[in-house]
Every structure is written in C-alpha cells, then in structure tokens.
Amino acid sequence: APSNPEGVVFGNGTWVATTALNAVSRSPD
C-alpha cells in the first residue's frame, strides 16, 4: 500500500491512492 497517502477513493471498481510526491497506486480490492 502507498505510504502516507493524501487521498484514497473507490470508483469504477478500483481503489486509487495518491501521495504528496505525485505517486499513484491502484488496487482492485
């Protein structure tokens, strides 16, 4: 999982997280 996410949301069947360093991670579950 991303360290220190600034935002985490769920939509279109996918979790998305972003960080302060412009990193993005995705998760189906």
PDB file of all heavy atoms in Angstrom:
ATOM      1  N   ALA A   1       0.846  -1.191   0.000  1.00  0.00           N
ATOM      2  CA  ALA A   1       0.000   0.000   0.000  1.00  0.00           C
ATOM      3  C   ALA A   1       0.883   1.244   0.000  1.00  0.00           C
ATOM      4  O   ALA A   1       1.996   1.222   0.530  1.00  0.00           O
ATOM      5  CB  ALA A   1      -0.913   0.004   1.217  1.00  0.00           C
ATOM      6  N   PRO A   2       0.416   2.329  -0.605  1.00  0.00           N
ATOM      7  CA  PRO A   2       1.221   3.547  -0.643  1.00  0.00           C
ATOM      8  C   PRO A   2       1.441   4.118   0.753  1.00  0.00           C
ATOM      9  O   PRO A   2       0.528   4.094   1.583  1.00  0.00           O
ATOM     10  CB  PRO A   2       0.396   4.491  -1.510  1.00  0.00           C
ATOM     11  CG  PRO A   2      -0.990   3.958  -1.448  1.00  0.00           C
ATOM     12  CD  PRO A   2      -0.876   2.495  -1.248  1.00  0.00           C
ATOM     13  N   SER A   3       2.642   4.616   0.992  1.00  0.00           N
ATOM     14  CA  SER A   3       2.950   5.248   2.278  1.00  0.00           C
ATOM     15  C   SER A   3       2.412   6.666   2.301  1.00  0.00           C
ATOM     16  O   SER A   3       2.561   7.409   1.341  1.00  0.00           O
ATOM     17  CB  SER A   3       4.463   5.282   2.503  1.00  0.00           C
ATOM     18  OG  SER A   3       4.967   3.984   2.560  1.00  0.00           O
ATOM     19  N   ASN A   4       1.797   7.039   3.377  1.00  0.00           N
ATOM     20  CA  ASN A   4       1.301   8.395   3.594  1.00  0.00           C
ATOM     21  C   ASN A   4       0.434   8.916   2.444  1.00  0.00           C
ATOM     22  O   ASN A   4       0.736   9.974   1.879  1.00  0.00           O
ATOM     23  CB  ASN A   4       2.472   9.347   3.858  1.00  0.00           C
ATOM     24  CG  ASN A   4       3.311   8.900   5.022  1.00  0.00           C
ATOM     25  OD1 ASN A   4       2.783   8.539   6.062  1.00  0.00           O
ATOM     26  ND2 ASN A   4       4.610   8.890   4.847  1.00  0.00           N
ATOM     27  N   PRO A   5      -0.615   8.218   2.090  1.00  0.00           N
ATOM     28  CA  PRO A   5      -1.464   8.726   1.002  1.00  0.00           C
ATOM     29  C   PRO A   5      -2.164  10.008   1.424  1.00  0.00           C
ATOM     30  O   PRO A   5      -2.507  10.188   2.586  1.00  0.00           O
ATOM     31  CB  PRO A   5      -2.465   7.601   0.778  1.00  0.00           C
ATOM     32  CG  PRO A   5      -2.528   6.892   2.079  1.00  0.00           C
ATOM     33  CD  PRO A   5      -1.150   6.998   2.666  1.00  0.00           C
ATOM     34  N   GLU A   6      -2.347  10.907   0.478  1.00  0.00           N
ATOM     35  CA  GLU A   6      -3.085  12.133   0.765  1.00  0.00           C
ATOM     36  C   GLU A   6      -4.532  11.998   0.329  1.00  0.00           C
ATOM     37  O   GLU A   6      -5.376  12.778   0.715  1.00  0.00           O
ATOM     38  CB  GLU A   6      -2.448  13.330   0.086  1.00  0.00           C
ATOM     39  CG  GLU A   6      -2.562  13.299  -1.404  1.00  0.00           C
ATOM     40  CD  GLU A   6      -1.992  14.543  -2.044  1.00  0.00           C
ATOM     41  OE1 GLU A   6      -1.309  15.318  -1.394  1.00  0.00           O
ATOM     42  OE2 GLU A   6      -2.239  14.722  -3.236  1.00  0.00           O
ATOM     43  N   GLY A   7      -4.810  10.998  -0.491  1.00  0.00           N
ATOM     44  CA  GLY A   7      -6.171  10.749  -0.911  1.00  0.00           C
ATOM     45  C   GLY A   7      -6.343   9.304  -1.322  1.00  0.00           C
ATOM     46  O   GLY A   7      -5.460   8.722  -1.941  1.00  0.00           O
ATOM     47  N   VAL A   8      -7.466   8.713  -0.908  1.00  0.00           N
ATOM     48  CA  VAL A   8      -7.809   7.342  -1.301  1.00  0.00           C
ATOM     49  C   VAL A   8      -9.290   7.329  -1.621  1.00  0.00           C
ATOM     50  O   VAL A   8     -10.103   7.769  -0.810  1.00  0.00           O
ATOM     51  CB  VAL A   8      -7.512   6.328  -0.181  1.00  0.00           C
ATOM     52  CG1 VAL A   8      -7.915   4.926  -0.599  1.00  0.00           C
ATOM     53  CG2 VAL A   8      -6.054   6.373   0.232  1.00  0.00           C
ATOM     54  N   VAL A   9      -9.640   6.861  -2.825  1.00  0.00           N
ATOM     55  CA  VAL A   9     -11.051   6.792  -3.222  1.00  0.00           C
ATOM     56  C   VAL A   9     -11.320   5.501  -3.974  1.00  0.00           C
ATOM     57  O   VAL A   9     -10.394   4.842  -4.463  1.00  0.00           O
ATOM     58  CB  VAL A   9     -11.475   7.993  -4.096  1.00  0.00           C
ATOM     59  CG1 VAL A   9     -11.364   9.293  -3.344  1.00  0.00           C
ATOM     60  CG2 VAL A   9     -10.700   8.042  -5.376  1.00  0.00           C
ATOM     61  N   PHE A  10     -12.604   5.161  -4.079  1.00  0.00           N
ATOM     62  CA  PHE A  10     -13.035   3.984  -4.818  1.00  0.00           C
ATOM     63  C   PHE A  10     -13.985   4.415  -5.917  1.00  0.00           C
ATOM     64  O   PHE A  10     -14.906   5.210  -5.684  1.00  0.00           O
ATOM     65  CB  PHE A  10     -13.742   2.996  -3.889  1.00  0.00           C
ATOM     66  CG  PHE A  10     -14.192   1.750  -4.580  1.00  0.00           C
ATOM     67  CD1 PHE A  10     -13.295   0.722  -4.840  1.00  0.00           C
ATOM     68  CD2 PHE A  10     -15.505   1.608  -4.997  1.00  0.00           C
ATOM     69  CE1 PHE A  10     -13.705  -0.441  -5.484  1.00  0.00           C
ATOM     70  CE2 PHE A  10     -15.922   0.455  -5.638  1.00  0.00           C
ATOM     71  CZ  PHE A  10     -15.020  -0.564  -5.880  1.00  0.00           C
ATOM     72  N   GLY A  11     -13.766   3.904  -7.133  1.00  0.00           N
ATOM     73  CA  GLY A  11     -14.664   4.178  -8.241  1.00  0.00           C
ATOM     74  C   GLY A  11     -14.353   3.285  -9.416  1.00  0.00           C
ATOM     75  O   GLY A  11     -13.222   2.812  -9.561  1.00  0.00           O
ATOM     76  N   ASN A  12     -15.324   3.019 -10.244  1.00  0.00           N
ATOM     77  CA  ASN A  12     -15.154   2.153 -11.420  1.00  0.00           C
ATOM     78  C   ASN A  12     -14.524   0.813 -11.048  1.00  0.00           C
ATOM     79  O   ASN A  12     -13.742   0.247 -11.797  1.00  0.00           O
ATOM     80  CB  ASN A  12     -14.315   2.844 -12.499  1.00  0.00           C
ATOM     81  CG  ASN A  12     -15.054   3.971 -13.175  1.00  0.00           C
ATOM     82  OD1 ASN A  12     -16.264   4.085 -13.070  1.00  0.00           O
ATOM     83  ND2 ASN A  12     -14.315   4.820 -13.867  1.00  0.00           N
ATOM     84  N   GLY A  13     -14.839   0.299  -9.856  1.00  0.00           N
ATOM     85  CA  GLY A  13     -14.328  -0.994  -9.412  1.00  0.00           C
ATOM     86  C   GLY A  13     -12.872  -0.987  -9.005  1.00  0.00           C
ATOM     87  O   GLY A  13     -12.261  -2.048  -8.875  1.00  0.00           O
ATOM     88  N   THR A  14     -12.294   0.205  -8.753  1.00  0.00           N
ATOM     89  CA  THR A  14     -10.868   0.320  -8.448  1.00  0.00           C
ATOM     90  C   THR A  14     -10.640   1.292  -7.303  1.00  0.00           C
ATOM     91  O   THR A  14     -11.252   2.356  -7.246  1.00  0.00           O
ATOM     92  CB  THR A  14     -10.105   0.841  -9.683  1.00  0.00           C
ATOM     93  OG1 THR A  14     -10.325  -0.055 -10.767  1.00  0.00           O
ATOM     94  CG2 THR A  14      -8.621   0.950  -9.431  1.00  0.00           C
ATOM     95  N   TRP A  15      -9.752   0.921  -6.388  1.00  0.00           N
ATOM     96  CA  TRP A  15      -9.253   1.846  -5.376  1.00  0.00           C
ATOM     97  C   TRP A  15      -8.073   2.593  -5.986  1.00  0.00           C
ATOM     98  O   TRP A  15      -7.224   1.996  -6.651  1.00  0.00           O
ATOM     99  CB  TRP A  15      -8.783   1.099  -4.138  1.00  0.00           C
ATOM    100  CG  TRP A  15      -9.902   0.559  -3.310  1.00  0.00           C
ATOM    101  CD1 TRP A  15     -10.416  -0.707  -3.351  1.00  0.00           C
ATOM    102  CD2 TRP A  15     -10.654   1.265  -2.335  1.00  0.00           C
ATOM    103  NE1 TRP A  15     -11.453  -0.814  -2.462  1.00  0.00           N
ATOM    104  CE2 TRP A  15     -11.612   0.386  -1.815  1.00  0.00           C
ATOM    105  CE3 TRP A  15     -10.602   2.573  -1.844  1.00  0.00           C
ATOM    106  CZ2 TRP A  15     -12.503   0.758  -0.834  1.00  0.00           C
ATOM    107  CZ3 TRP A  15     -11.497   2.947  -0.864  1.00  0.00           C
ATOM    108  CH2 TRP A  15     -12.440   2.039  -0.366  1.00  0.00           C
ATOM    109  N   VAL A  16      -8.001   3.905  -5.751  1.00  0.00           N
ATOM    110  CA  VAL A  16      -6.879   4.725  -6.218  1.00  0.00           C
ATOM    111  C   VAL A  16      -6.379   5.546  -5.039  1.00  0.00           C
ATOM    112  O   VAL A  16      -7.177   6.108  -4.279  1.00  0.00           O
ATOM    113  CB  VAL A  16      -7.304   5.661  -7.373  1.00  0.00           C
ATOM    114  CG1 VAL A  16      -6.172   6.607  -7.748  1.00  0.00           C
ATOM    115  CG2 VAL A  16      -7.726   4.845  -8.583  1.00  0.00           C
ATOM    116  N   ALA A  17      -5.051   5.611  -4.886  1.00  0.00           N
ATOM    117  CA  ALA A  17      -4.436   6.419  -3.832  1.00  0.00           C
ATOM    118  C   ALA A  17      -3.357   7.302  -4.445  1.00  0.00           C
ATOM    119  O   ALA A  17      -2.638   6.868  -5.347  1.00  0.00           O
ATOM    120  CB  ALA A  17      -3.815   5.515  -2.767  1.00  0.00           C
ATOM    121  N   THR A  18      -3.268   8.542  -3.978  1.00  0.00           N
ATOM    122  CA  THR A  18      -2.207   9.448  -4.413  1.00  0.00           C
ATOM    123  C   THR A  18      -1.444   9.935  -3.191  1.00  0.00           C
ATOM    124  O   THR A  18      -1.976   9.955  -2.078  1.00  0.00           O
ATOM    125  CB  THR A  18      -2.755  10.667  -5.178  1.00  0.00           C
ATOM    126  OG1 THR A  18      -3.595  11.414  -4.316  1.00  0.00           O
ATOM    127  CG2 THR A  18      -3.511  10.245  -6.417  1.00  0.00           C
ATOM    128  N   THR A  19      -0.198  10.333  -3.404  1.00  0.00           N
ATOM    129  CA  THR A  19       0.637  10.841  -2.317  1.00  0.00           C
ATOM    130  C   THR A  19       1.105  12.254  -2.632  1.00  0.00           C
ATOM    131  O   THR A  19       0.951  12.745  -3.746  1.00  0.00           O
ATOM    132  CB  THR A  19       1.881   9.958  -2.099  1.00  0.00           C
ATOM    133  OG1 THR A  19       2.782  10.161  -3.186  1.00  0.00           O
ATOM    134  CG2 THR A  19       1.520   8.487  -1.992  1.00  0.00           C
ATOM    135  N   ALA A  20       1.717  12.889  -1.638  1.00  0.00           N
ATOM    136  CA  ALA A  20       2.230  14.246  -1.797  1.00  0.00           C
ATOM    137  C   ALA A  20       3.368  14.314  -2.808  1.00  0.00           C
ATOM    138  O   ALA A  20       3.695  15.380  -3.296  1.00  0.00           O
ATOM    139  CB  ALA A  20       2.694  14.792  -0.453  1.00  0.00           C
ATOM    140  N   LEU A  21       3.973  13.186  -3.123  1.00  0.00           N
ATOM    141  CA  LEU A  21       5.084  13.157  -4.081  1.00  0.00           C
ATOM    142  C   LEU A  21       4.619  12.777  -5.475  1.00  0.00           C
ATOM    143  O   LEU A  21       5.407  12.325  -6.296  1.00  0.00           O
ATOM    144  CB  LEU A  21       6.178  12.203  -3.593  1.00  0.00           C
ATOM    145  CG  LEU A  21       6.803  12.591  -2.253  1.00  0.00           C
ATOM    146  CD1 LEU A  21       7.802  11.537  -1.803  1.00  0.00           C
ATOM    147  CD2 LEU A  21       7.442  13.957  -2.342  1.00  0.00           C
ATOM    148  N   ASN A  22       3.319  12.930  -5.735  1.00  0.00           N
ATOM    149  CA  ASN A  22       2.716  12.652  -7.045  1.00  0.00           C
ATOM    150  C   ASN A  22       2.754  11.187  -7.438  1.00  0.00           C
ATOM    151  O   ASN A  22       2.697  10.853  -8.613  1.00  0.00           O
ATOM    152  CB  ASN A  22       3.363  13.511  -8.141  1.00  0.00           C
ATOM    153  CG  ASN A  22       3.163  14.977  -7.892  1.00  0.00           C
ATOM    154  OD1 ASN A  22       2.127  15.389  -7.385  1.00  0.00           O
ATOM    155  ND2 ASN A  22       4.131  15.783  -8.235  1.00  0.00           N
ATOM    156  N   ALA A  23       2.858  10.309  -6.461  1.00  0.00           N
ATOM    157  CA  ALA A  23       2.798   8.878  -6.736  1.00  0.00           C
ATOM    158  C   ALA A  23       1.334   8.439  -6.745  1.00  0.00           C
ATOM    159  O   ALA A  23       0.497   8.991  -6.036  1.00  0.00           O
ATOM    160  CB  ALA A  23       3.565   8.093  -5.681  1.00  0.00           C
ATOM    161  N   VAL A  24       1.035   7.449  -7.571  1.00  0.00           N
ATOM    162  CA  VAL A  24      -0.311   6.893  -7.653  1.00  0.00           C
ATOM    163  C   VAL A  24      -0.218   5.381  -7.529  1.00  0.00           C
ATOM    164  O   VAL A  24       0.674   4.759  -8.103  1.00  0.00           O
ATOM    165  CB  VAL A  24      -0.980   7.253  -9.001  1.00  0.00           C
ATOM    166  CG1 VAL A  24      -2.351   6.605  -9.115  1.00  0.00           C
ATOM    167  CG2 VAL A  24      -1.091   8.751  -9.170  1.00  0.00           C
ATOM    168  N   SER A  25      -1.134   4.796  -6.777  1.00  0.00           N
ATOM    169  CA  SER A  25      -1.242   3.345  -6.678  1.00  0.00           C
ATOM    170  C   SER A  25      -2.696   2.962  -6.899  1.00  0.00           C
ATOM    171  O   SER A  25      -3.603   3.728  -6.596  1.00  0.00           O
ATOM    172  CB  SER A  25      -0.783   2.855  -5.304  1.00  0.00           C
ATOM    173  OG  SER A  25       0.577   3.134  -5.112  1.00  0.00           O
ATOM    174  N   ARG A  26      -2.897   1.740  -7.425  1.00  0.00           N
ATOM    175  CA  ARG A  26      -4.240   1.221  -7.717  1.00  0.00           C
ATOM    176  C   ARG A  26      -4.417  -0.135  -7.054  1.00  0.00           C
ATOM    177  O   ARG A  26      -3.450  -0.873  -6.893  1.00  0.00           O
ATOM    178  CB  ARG A  26      -4.433   1.054  -9.225  1.00  0.00           C
ATOM    179  CG  ARG A  26      -4.288   2.315 -10.009  1.00  0.00           C
ATOM    180  CD  ARG A  26      -4.401   2.062 -11.514  1.00  0.00           C
ATOM    181  NE  ARG A  26      -5.771   1.679 -11.853  1.00  0.00           N
ATOM    182  CZ  ARG A  26      -6.108   0.564 -12.496  1.00  0.00           C
ATOM    183  NH1 ARG A  26      -5.193  -0.279 -12.904  1.00  0.00           N
ATOM    184  NH2 ARG A  26      -7.375   0.298 -12.763  1.00  0.00           N
ATOM    185  N   SER A  27      -5.664  -0.453  -6.748  1.00  0.00           N
ATOM    186  CA  SER A  27      -5.964  -1.751  -6.151  1.00  0.00           C
ATOM    187  C   SER A  27      -7.381  -2.169  -6.540  1.00  0.00           C
ATOM    188  O   SER A  27      -8.306  -1.366  -6.474  1.00  0.00           O
ATOM    189  CB  SER A  27      -5.865  -1.672  -4.631  1.00  0.00           C
ATOM    190  OG  SER A  27      -6.320  -2.881  -4.048  1.00  0.00           O
ATOM    191  N   PRO A  28      -7.557  -3.434  -6.898  1.00  0.00           N
ATOM    192  CA  PRO A  28      -8.907  -3.911  -7.190  1.00  0.00           C
ATOM    193  C   PRO A  28      -9.706  -4.236  -5.926  1.00  0.00           C
ATOM    194  O   PRO A  28     -10.931  -4.281  -5.960  1.00  0.00           O
ATOM    195  CB  PRO A  28      -8.665  -5.173  -8.015  1.00  0.00           C
ATOM    196  CG  PRO A  28      -7.346  -5.674  -7.530  1.00  0.00           C
ATOM    197  CD  PRO A  28      -6.544  -4.446  -7.187  1.00  0.00           C
ATOM    198  N   ASP A  29      -9.005  -4.451  -4.801  1.00  0.00           N
ATOM    199  CA  ASP A  29      -9.680  -4.913  -3.600  1.00  0.00           C
ATOM    200  C   ASP A  29      -9.259  -4.209  -2.309  1.00  0.00           C
ATOM    201  O   ASP A  29      -9.751  -4.533  -1.240  1.00  0.00           O
ATOM    202  CB  ASP A  29      -9.469  -6.416  -3.442  1.00  0.00           C
ATOM    203  CG  ASP A  29      -7.994  -6.799  -3.400  1.00  0.00           C
ATOM    204  OD1 ASP A  29      -7.119  -5.909  -3.267  1.00  0.00           O
ATOM    205  OD2 ASP A  29      -7.705  -8.003  -3.497  1.00  0.00           O
TER     206      ASP A  29
END
